[in-house]
Amino acid sequence: MRRVFSGTAPSGRLTLGNYLGAVKHWVAGQHETESLFCVVDLHALTAEHDPRLVRDRTREIAGLLLAAGLDPHACTIFVQSHVAAHTQLTWLLESTVYDGELRRMIQYREKARKQGRRVRASLLTYPALMAADILLYDVAEVPVGEDQRQHVELARDLALRFNKRYGQTFVVPQVVLPDVAARVMDLSEPSRKMDKSAPEDAPGVIFLLDSPEAVRH
């Protein structure tokens, strides 16, 4: 069976967009692949955050993945920071990637603009951590939304570069985009995606734990 890896960050509460674009597909394919699904909690540290909320959201997301239908007997569900090899491999990949490649990442430019003068260095190097998440497990496929495609393509480039320099080490993964809902948009601001880090009262975002009344309104 081909091995698949994907993850979601506890930077906020899961939305309908996360379910339609990712979780629903994870559930459907878990019996056809060797699937690893990760709550990538270290990724939530790239912006201003409350440590308590990161812990709470990590547990909440893990519970929602189970509630949505992921079966721990059919797939592996784990928390990124519980596996030290993620950060260890990140250093090797930071020593493989170039500064210009990181600064060209669209998400870096967008998020740095929002953070203003208090941009964390980890926001810049975040793609190296994501590449480590992927390459660590020799996965063949990485299902992601359209907004993460550029990061997976960088992971492919780093795998090829590392293999050429140090010898055959990593499997070069393929990007897999969902057939539908690759980028679910905000219902009030259709020019931007439905974002789980949006305020909980954001009118255009439907969170999975919203009450039926909140969804209707």
C-alpha atoms as a PDB file:
ATOM      1  CA  MET A   1       0.000   0.000   0.000  1.00  0.00           C
ATOM      2  CA  ARG A   2       1.267   3.479  -0.833  1.00  0.00           C
ATOM      3  CA  ARG A   3       2.031   5.679   2.171  1.00  0.00           C
ATOM      4  CA  VAL A   4       0.252   9.026   2.579  1.00  0.00           C
ATOM      5  CA  PHE A   5       0.945  11.871   5.030  1.00  0.00           C
ATOM      6  CA  SER A   6      -1.087  14.974   5.790  1.00  0.00           C
ATOM      7  CA  GLY A   7      -1.510  17.304   8.731  1.00  0.00           C
ATOM      8  CA  THR A   8      -3.435  20.211  10.164  1.00  0.00           C
ATOM      9  CA  ALA A   9      -2.231  22.918  12.531  1.00  0.00           C
ATOM     10  CA  PRO A  10      -4.024  23.884  15.769  1.00  0.00           C
ATOM     11  CA  SER A  11      -3.856  27.557  14.800  1.00  0.00           C
ATOM     12  CA  GLY A  12      -7.612  27.760  15.295  1.00  0.00           C
ATOM     13  CA  ARG A  13     -10.755  25.647  15.194  1.00  0.00           C
ATOM     14  CA  LEU A  14     -11.451  23.336  12.266  1.00  0.00           C
ATOM     15  CA  THR A  15     -13.860  24.758   9.702  1.00  0.00           C
ATOM     16  CA  LEU A  16     -16.218  23.380   7.097  1.00  0.00           C
ATOM     17  CA  GLY A  17     -13.470  24.153   4.588  1.00  0.00           C
ATOM     18  CA  ASN A  18     -11.025  21.920   6.466  1.00  0.00           C
ATOM     19  CA  TYR A  19     -13.576  19.113   6.477  1.00  0.00           C
ATOM     20  CA  LEU A  20     -14.558  19.342   2.798  1.00  0.00           C
ATOM     21  CA  GLY A  21     -11.045  19.986   1.517  1.00  0.00           C
ATOM     22  CA  ALA A  22      -9.105  17.533   3.683  1.00  0.00           C
ATOM     23  CA  VAL A  23     -10.684  15.502   6.477  1.00  0.00           C
ATOM     24  CA  LYS A  24     -13.496  14.059   4.358  1.00  0.00           C
ATOM     25  CA  HIS A  25     -10.937  12.768   1.840  1.00  0.00           C
ATOM     26  CA  TRP A  26      -8.715  11.380   4.603  1.00  0.00           C
ATOM     27  CA  VAL A  27     -11.612   9.346   5.952  1.00  0.00           C
ATOM     28  CA  ALA A  28     -12.558   8.053   2.510  1.00  0.00           C
ATOM     29  CA  GLY A  29      -9.043   6.887   1.670  1.00  0.00           C
ATOM     30  CA  GLN A  30      -7.773   5.560   4.991  1.00  0.00           C
ATOM     31  CA  HIS A  31      -8.438   1.906   4.123  1.00  0.00           C
ATOM     32  CA  GLU A  32      -6.773   2.146   0.714  1.00  0.00           C
ATOM     33  CA  THR A  33      -3.423   3.620   1.837  1.00  0.00           C
ATOM     34  CA  GLU A  34      -0.982   3.464   4.717  1.00  0.00           C
ATOM     35  CA  SER A  35      -2.122   6.802   6.116  1.00  0.00           C
ATOM     36  CA  LEU A  36      -0.432   9.063   8.656  1.00  0.00           C
ATOM     37  CA  PHE A  37      -2.339  12.101   9.909  1.00  0.00           C
ATOM     38  CA  CYS A  38      -0.622  14.609  12.152  1.00  0.00           C
ATOM     39  CA  VAL A  39      -1.740  17.512  14.334  1.00  0.00           C
ATOM     40  CA  VAL A  40       1.180  19.777  13.485  1.00  0.00           C
ATOM     41  CA  ASP A  41       1.262  21.789  16.691  1.00  0.00           C
ATOM     42  CA  LEU A  42       4.738  23.256  16.101  1.00  0.00           C
ATOM     43  CA  HIS A  43       3.373  25.057  13.043  1.00  0.00           C
ATOM     44  CA  ALA A  44       1.018  27.017  15.311  1.00  0.00           C
ATOM     45  CA  LEU A  45       4.034  28.680  16.963  1.00  0.00           C
ATOM     46  CA  THR A  46       4.951  30.724  13.884  1.00  0.00           C
ATOM     47  CA  ALA A  47       2.533  33.506  14.897  1.00  0.00           C
ATOM     48  CA  GLU A  48       1.382  35.129  18.133  1.00  0.00           C
ATOM     49  CA  HIS A  49      -0.283  32.425  20.216  1.00  0.00           C
ATOM     50  CA  ASP A  50      -1.542  31.439  23.646  1.00  0.00           C
ATOM     51  CA  PRO A  51       0.249  28.210  24.709  1.00  0.00           C
ATOM     52  CA  ARG A  52      -2.848  27.034  26.574  1.00  0.00           C
ATOM     53  CA  LEU A  53      -5.007  27.463  23.476  1.00  0.00           C
ATOM     54  CA  VAL A  54      -2.492  25.590  21.322  1.00  0.00           C
ATOM     55  CA  ARG A  55      -2.690  22.652  23.753  1.00  0.00           C
ATOM     56  CA  ASP A  56      -6.486  22.807  23.876  1.00  0.00           C
ATOM     57  CA  ARG A  57      -6.835  23.077  20.099  1.00  0.00           C
ATOM     58  CA  THR A  58      -4.430  20.175  19.612  1.00  0.00           C
ATOM     59  CA  ARG A  59      -6.645  17.908  21.721  1.00  0.00           C
ATOM     60  CA  GLU A  60      -9.794  19.279  20.098  1.00  0.00           C
ATOM     61  CA  ILE A  61      -8.538  18.613  16.569  1.00  0.00           C
ATOM     62  CA  ALA A  62      -7.423  15.087  17.464  1.00  0.00           C
ATOM     63  CA  GLY A  63     -10.904  14.419  18.841  1.00  0.00           C
ATOM     64  CA  LEU A  64     -12.597  15.879  15.781  1.00  0.00           C
ATOM     65  CA  LEU A  65     -10.517  13.714  13.450  1.00  0.00           C
ATOM     66  CA  LEU A  66     -11.742  10.647  15.323  1.00  0.00           C
ATOM     67  CA  ALA A  67     -15.316  11.956  15.376  1.00  0.00           C
ATOM     68  CA  ALA A  68     -15.173  12.601  11.620  1.00  0.00           C
ATOM     69  CA  GLY A  69     -14.429   8.935  11.005  1.00  0.00           C
ATOM     70  CA  LEU A  70     -10.670   8.386  11.091  1.00  0.00           C
ATOM     71  CA  ASP A  71     -10.122   4.903  12.523  1.00  0.00           C
ATOM     72  CA  PRO A  72      -6.935   4.452  14.618  1.00  0.00           C
ATOM     73  CA  HIS A  73      -6.977   0.779  13.592  1.00  0.00           C
ATOM     74  CA  ALA A  74      -6.764   1.812   9.917  1.00  0.00           C
ATOM     75  CA  CYS A  75      -4.473   4.848  10.122  1.00  0.00           C
ATOM     76  CA  THR A  76      -1.989   6.582  12.409  1.00  0.00           C
ATOM     77  CA  ILE A  77      -2.996   9.801  14.170  1.00  0.00           C
ATOM     78  CA  PHE A  78      -0.318  11.610  16.164  1.00  0.00           C
ATOM     79  CA  VAL A  79       0.951  14.974  17.414  1.00  0.00           C
ATOM     80  CA  GLN A  80       3.983  16.472  15.689  1.00  0.00           C
ATOM     81  CA  SER A  81       5.837  17.676  18.805  1.00  0.00           C
ATOM     82  CA  HIS A  82       5.697  14.171  20.291  1.00  0.00           C
ATOM     83  CA  VAL A  83       8.190  12.992  17.644  1.00  0.00           C
ATOM     84  CA  ALA A  84      11.568  14.699  18.130  1.00  0.00           C
ATOM     85  CA  ALA A  85      12.778  13.646  14.671  1.00  0.00           C
ATOM     86  CA  HIS A  86      10.608  16.362  13.101  1.00  0.00           C
ATOM     87  CA  THR A  87      12.730  19.170  14.546  1.00  0.00           C
ATOM     88  CA  GLN A  88      15.974  17.226  14.113  1.00  0.00           C
ATOM     89  CA  LEU A  89      15.401  16.751  10.394  1.00  0.00           C
ATOM     90  CA  THR A  90      14.303  20.381  10.066  1.00  0.00           C
ATOM     91  CA  TRP A  91      17.853  21.546  10.825  1.00  0.00           C
ATOM     92  CA  LEU A  92      19.272  19.405   8.028  1.00  0.00           C
ATOM     93  CA  LEU A  93      16.681  20.765   5.601  1.00  0.00           C
ATOM     94  CA  GLU A  94      17.279  24.356   6.723  1.00  0.00           C
ATOM     95  CA  SER A  95      20.894  23.671   5.750  1.00  0.00           C
ATOM     96  CA  THR A  96      19.691  22.504   2.323  1.00  0.00           C
ATOM     97  CA  VAL A  97      17.145  25.190   1.427  1.00  0.00           C
ATOM     98  CA  TYR A  98      18.133  28.708   0.349  1.00  0.00           C
ATOM     99  CA  ASP A  99      16.961  31.956   1.915  1.00  0.00           C
ATOM    100  CA  GLY A 100      15.569  33.178  -1.408  1.00  0.00           C
ATOM    101  CA  GLU A 101      13.446  30.058  -1.799  1.00  0.00           C
ATOM    102  CA  LEU A 102      11.875  30.620   1.607  1.00  0.00           C
ATOM    103  CA  ARG A 103      11.206  34.302   0.977  1.00  0.00           C
ATOM    104  CA  ARG A 104       9.415  33.478  -2.277  1.00  0.00           C
ATOM    105  CA  MET A 105       6.790  31.439  -0.469  1.00  0.00           C
ATOM    106  CA  ILE A 106       3.432  33.140  -1.007  1.00  0.00           C
ATOM    107  CA  GLN A 107       2.167  32.294   2.466  1.00  0.00           C
ATOM    108  CA  TYR A 108       5.290  33.779   4.063  1.00  0.00           C
ATOM    109  CA  ARG A 109       4.780  37.092   2.291  1.00  0.00           C
ATOM    110  CA  GLU A 110       1.075  37.212   3.154  1.00  0.00           C
ATOM    111  CA  LYS A 111       1.483  36.264   6.814  1.00  0.00           C
ATOM    112  CA  ALA A 112       4.553  38.455   7.331  1.00  0.00           C
ATOM    113  CA  ARG A 113       2.567  41.410   6.036  1.00  0.00           C
ATOM    114  CA  LYS A 114      -0.131  40.710   8.641  1.00  0.00           C
ATOM    115  CA  GLN A 115       2.379  40.286  11.482  1.00  0.00           C
ATOM    116  CA  GLY A 116       4.071  43.610  10.736  1.00  0.00           C
ATOM    117  CA  ARG A 117       7.328  44.197  12.617  1.00  0.00           C
ATOM    118  CA  ARG A 118       6.989  41.158  14.894  1.00  0.00           C
ATOM    119  CA  VAL A 119       7.630  38.461  12.305  1.00  0.00           C
ATOM    120  CA  ARG A 120       9.044  35.299  13.849  1.00  0.00           C
ATOM    121  CA  ALA A 121      12.024  33.622  12.200  1.00  0.00           C
ATOM    122  CA  SER A 122      10.043  30.379  12.367  1.00  0.00           C
ATOM    123  CA  LEU A 123       7.526  31.820   9.906  1.00  0.00           C
ATOM    124  CA  LEU A 124      10.311  32.082   7.340  1.00  0.00           C
ATOM    125  CA  THR A 125      11.677  28.575   8.012  1.00  0.00           C
ATOM    126  CA  TYR A 126       8.243  26.969   8.372  1.00  0.00           C
ATOM    127  CA  PRO A 127       8.458  25.320   4.896  1.00  0.00           C
ATOM    128  CA  ALA A 128      11.588  23.443   6.040  1.00  0.00           C
ATOM    129  CA  LEU A 129       9.644  22.071   9.010  1.00  0.00           C
ATOM    130  CA  MET A 130       6.789  21.072   6.716  1.00  0.00           C
ATOM    131  CA  ALA A 131       9.262  19.379   4.393  1.00  0.00           C
ATOM    132  CA  ALA A 132      10.652  17.477   7.379  1.00  0.00           C
ATOM    133  CA  ASP A 133       7.138  16.364   8.321  1.00  0.00           C
ATOM    134  CA  ILE A 134       6.711  14.894   4.861  1.00  0.00           C
ATOM    135  CA  LEU A 135      10.151  13.470   4.103  1.00  0.00           C
ATOM    136  CA  LEU A 136      10.579  11.844   7.507  1.00  0.00           C
ATOM    137  CA  TYR A 137       8.089   9.088   6.655  1.00  0.00           C
ATOM    138  CA  ASP A 138       9.059   8.190   3.065  1.00  0.00           C
ATOM    139  CA  VAL A 139       5.569   9.012   1.868  1.00  0.00           C
ATOM    140  CA  ALA A 140       4.564   8.702  -1.776  1.00  0.00           C
ATOM    141  CA  GLU A 141       1.660  11.160  -1.664  1.00  0.00           C
ATOM    142  CA  VAL A 142       0.799  14.328   0.257  1.00  0.00           C
ATOM    143  CA  PRO A 143      -2.877  15.365   0.062  1.00  0.00           C
ATOM    144  CA  VAL A 144      -3.085  19.142   0.566  1.00  0.00           C
ATOM    145  CA  GLY A 145      -5.232  22.115  -0.301  1.00  0.00           C
ATOM    146  CA  GLU A 146      -4.190  24.440  -3.102  1.00  0.00           C
ATOM    147  CA  ASP A 147      -2.706  26.924  -0.595  1.00  0.00           C
ATOM    148  CA  GLN A 148      -0.108  24.343   0.530  1.00  0.00           C
ATOM    149  CA  ARG A 149       0.906  23.129  -2.908  1.00  0.00           C
ATOM    150  CA  GLN A 150       3.924  25.436  -3.132  1.00  0.00           C
ATOM    151  CA  HIS A 151       5.291  24.058   0.155  1.00  0.00           C
ATOM    152  CA  VAL A 152       5.034  20.450  -1.005  1.00  0.00           C
ATOM    153  CA  GLU A 153       6.744  21.343  -4.271  1.00  0.00           C
ATOM    154  CA  LEU A 154       9.583  22.831  -2.210  1.00  0.00           C
ATOM    155  CA  ALA A 155       9.753  19.587  -0.194  1.00  0.00           C
ATOM    156  CA  ARG A 156      10.167  17.717  -3.489  1.00  0.00           C
ATOM    157  CA  ASP A 157      12.998  20.046  -4.527  1.00  0.00           C
ATOM    158  CA  LEU A 158      14.751  19.597  -1.174  1.00  0.00           C
ATOM    159  CA  ALA A 159      14.453  15.817  -1.361  1.00  0.00           C
ATOM    160  CA  LEU A 160      16.047  15.803  -4.822  1.00  0.00           C
ATOM    161  CA  ARG A 161      18.799  18.227  -3.756  1.00  0.00           C
ATOM    162  CA  PHE A 162      19.567  16.302  -0.556  1.00  0.00           C
ATOM    163  CA  ASN A 163      19.653  12.975  -2.415  1.00  0.00           C
ATOM    164  CA  LYS A 164      22.029  14.362  -5.021  1.00  0.00           C
ATOM    165  CA  ARG A 165      24.386  15.813  -2.425  1.00  0.00           C
ATOM    166  CA  TYR A 166      24.378  13.116   0.268  1.00  0.00           C
ATOM    167  CA  GLY A 167      23.167   9.996  -1.513  1.00  0.00           C
ATOM    168  CA  GLN A 168      19.746   8.419  -1.925  1.00  0.00           C
ATOM    169  CA  THR A 169      17.913   9.208   1.317  1.00  0.00           C
ATOM    170  CA  PHE A 170      14.380  10.497   0.754  1.00  0.00           C
ATOM    171  CA  VAL A 171      11.390   9.412  -1.286  1.00  0.00           C
ATOM    172  CA  VAL A 172      10.301  12.286  -3.541  1.00  0.00           C
ATOM    173  CA  PRO A 173       6.580  12.757  -2.788  1.00  0.00           C
ATOM    174  CA  GLN A 174       3.757  13.670  -5.134  1.00  0.00           C
ATOM    175  CA  VAL A 175       1.280  16.482  -4.475  1.00  0.00           C
ATOM    176  CA  VAL A 176      -2.329  15.273  -4.389  1.00  0.00           C
ATOM    177  CA  LEU A 177      -5.076  17.906  -4.630  1.00  0.00           C
ATOM    178  CA  PRO A 178      -8.688  17.019  -3.844  1.00  0.00           C
ATOM    179  CA  ASP A 179     -11.041  16.705  -6.798  1.00  0.00           C
ATOM    180  CA  VAL A 180     -13.394  19.177  -5.130  1.00  0.00           C
ATOM    181  CA  ALA A 181     -13.061  21.781  -2.365  1.00  0.00           C
ATOM    182  CA  ALA A 182      -9.319  22.280  -2.809  1.00  0.00           C
ATOM    183  CA  ARG A 183      -9.863  25.847  -1.589  1.00  0.00           C
ATOM    184  CA  VAL A 184     -13.155  26.631   0.180  1.00  0.00           C
ATOM    185  CA  MET A 185     -13.702  30.365   0.333  1.00  0.00           C
ATOM    186  CA  ASP A 186     -14.962  32.613   3.121  1.00  0.00           C
ATOM    187  CA  LEU A 187     -18.724  33.053   2.745  1.00  0.00           C
ATOM    188  CA  SER A 188     -18.527  36.803   3.435  1.00  0.00           C
ATOM    189  CA  GLU A 189     -15.164  37.529   1.782  1.00  0.00           C
ATOM    190  CA  PRO A 190     -15.028  35.213  -1.259  1.00  0.00           C
ATOM    191  CA  SER A 191     -11.613  36.553  -2.256  1.00  0.00           C
ATOM    192  CA  ARG A 192      -9.974  34.682   0.653  1.00  0.00           C
ATOM    193  CA  LYS A 193     -10.176  31.120   1.910  1.00  0.00           C
ATOM    194  CA  MET A 194     -12.216  30.018   4.916  1.00  0.00           C
ATOM    195  CA  ASP A 195      -9.547  30.284   7.618  1.00  0.00           C
ATOM    196  CA  LYS A 196      -9.558  28.370  10.916  1.00  0.00           C
ATOM    197  CA  SER A 197      -7.502  31.151  12.511  1.00  0.00           C
ATOM    198  CA  ALA A 198     -10.314  33.646  11.873  1.00  0.00           C
ATOM    199  CA  PRO A 199     -12.155  35.078  14.923  1.00  0.00           C
ATOM    200  CA  GLU A 200     -14.860  32.740  16.198  1.00  0.00           C
ATOM    201  CA  ASP A 201     -17.544  35.318  15.378  1.00  0.00           C
ATOM    202  CA  ALA A 202     -16.345  35.762  11.778  1.00  0.00           C
ATOM    203  CA  PRO A 203     -19.551  35.858   9.703  1.00  0.00           C
ATOM    204  CA  GLY A 204     -18.129  34.023   6.695  1.00  0.00           C
ATOM    205  CA  VAL A 205     -16.594  31.059   8.530  1.00  0.00           C
ATOM    206  CA  ILE A 206     -18.437  27.906   9.592  1.00  0.00           C
ATOM    207  CA  PHE A 207     -16.590  26.048  12.359  1.00  0.00           C
ATOM    208  CA  LEU A 208     -17.224  22.321  12.786  1.00  0.00           C
ATOM    209  CA  LEU A 209     -18.303  22.782  16.400  1.00  0.00           C
ATOM    210  CA  ASP A 210     -20.684  25.647  15.655  1.00  0.00           C
ATOM    211  CA  SER A 211     -24.241  25.060  16.795  1.00  0.00           C
ATOM    212  CA  PRO A 212     -26.937  24.536  14.117  1.00  0.00           C
ATOM    213  CA  GLU A 213     -28.304  27.967  14.992  1.00  0.00           C
ATOM    214  CA  ALA A 214     -24.939  29.631  14.410  1.00  0.00           C
ATOM    215  CA  VAL A 215     -24.575  27.860  11.066  1.00  0.00           C
ATOM    216  CA  ARG A 216     -27.990  28.975   9.894  1.00  0.00           C
ATOM    217  CA  HIS A 217     -27.225  32.588  10.743  1.00  0.00           C
END
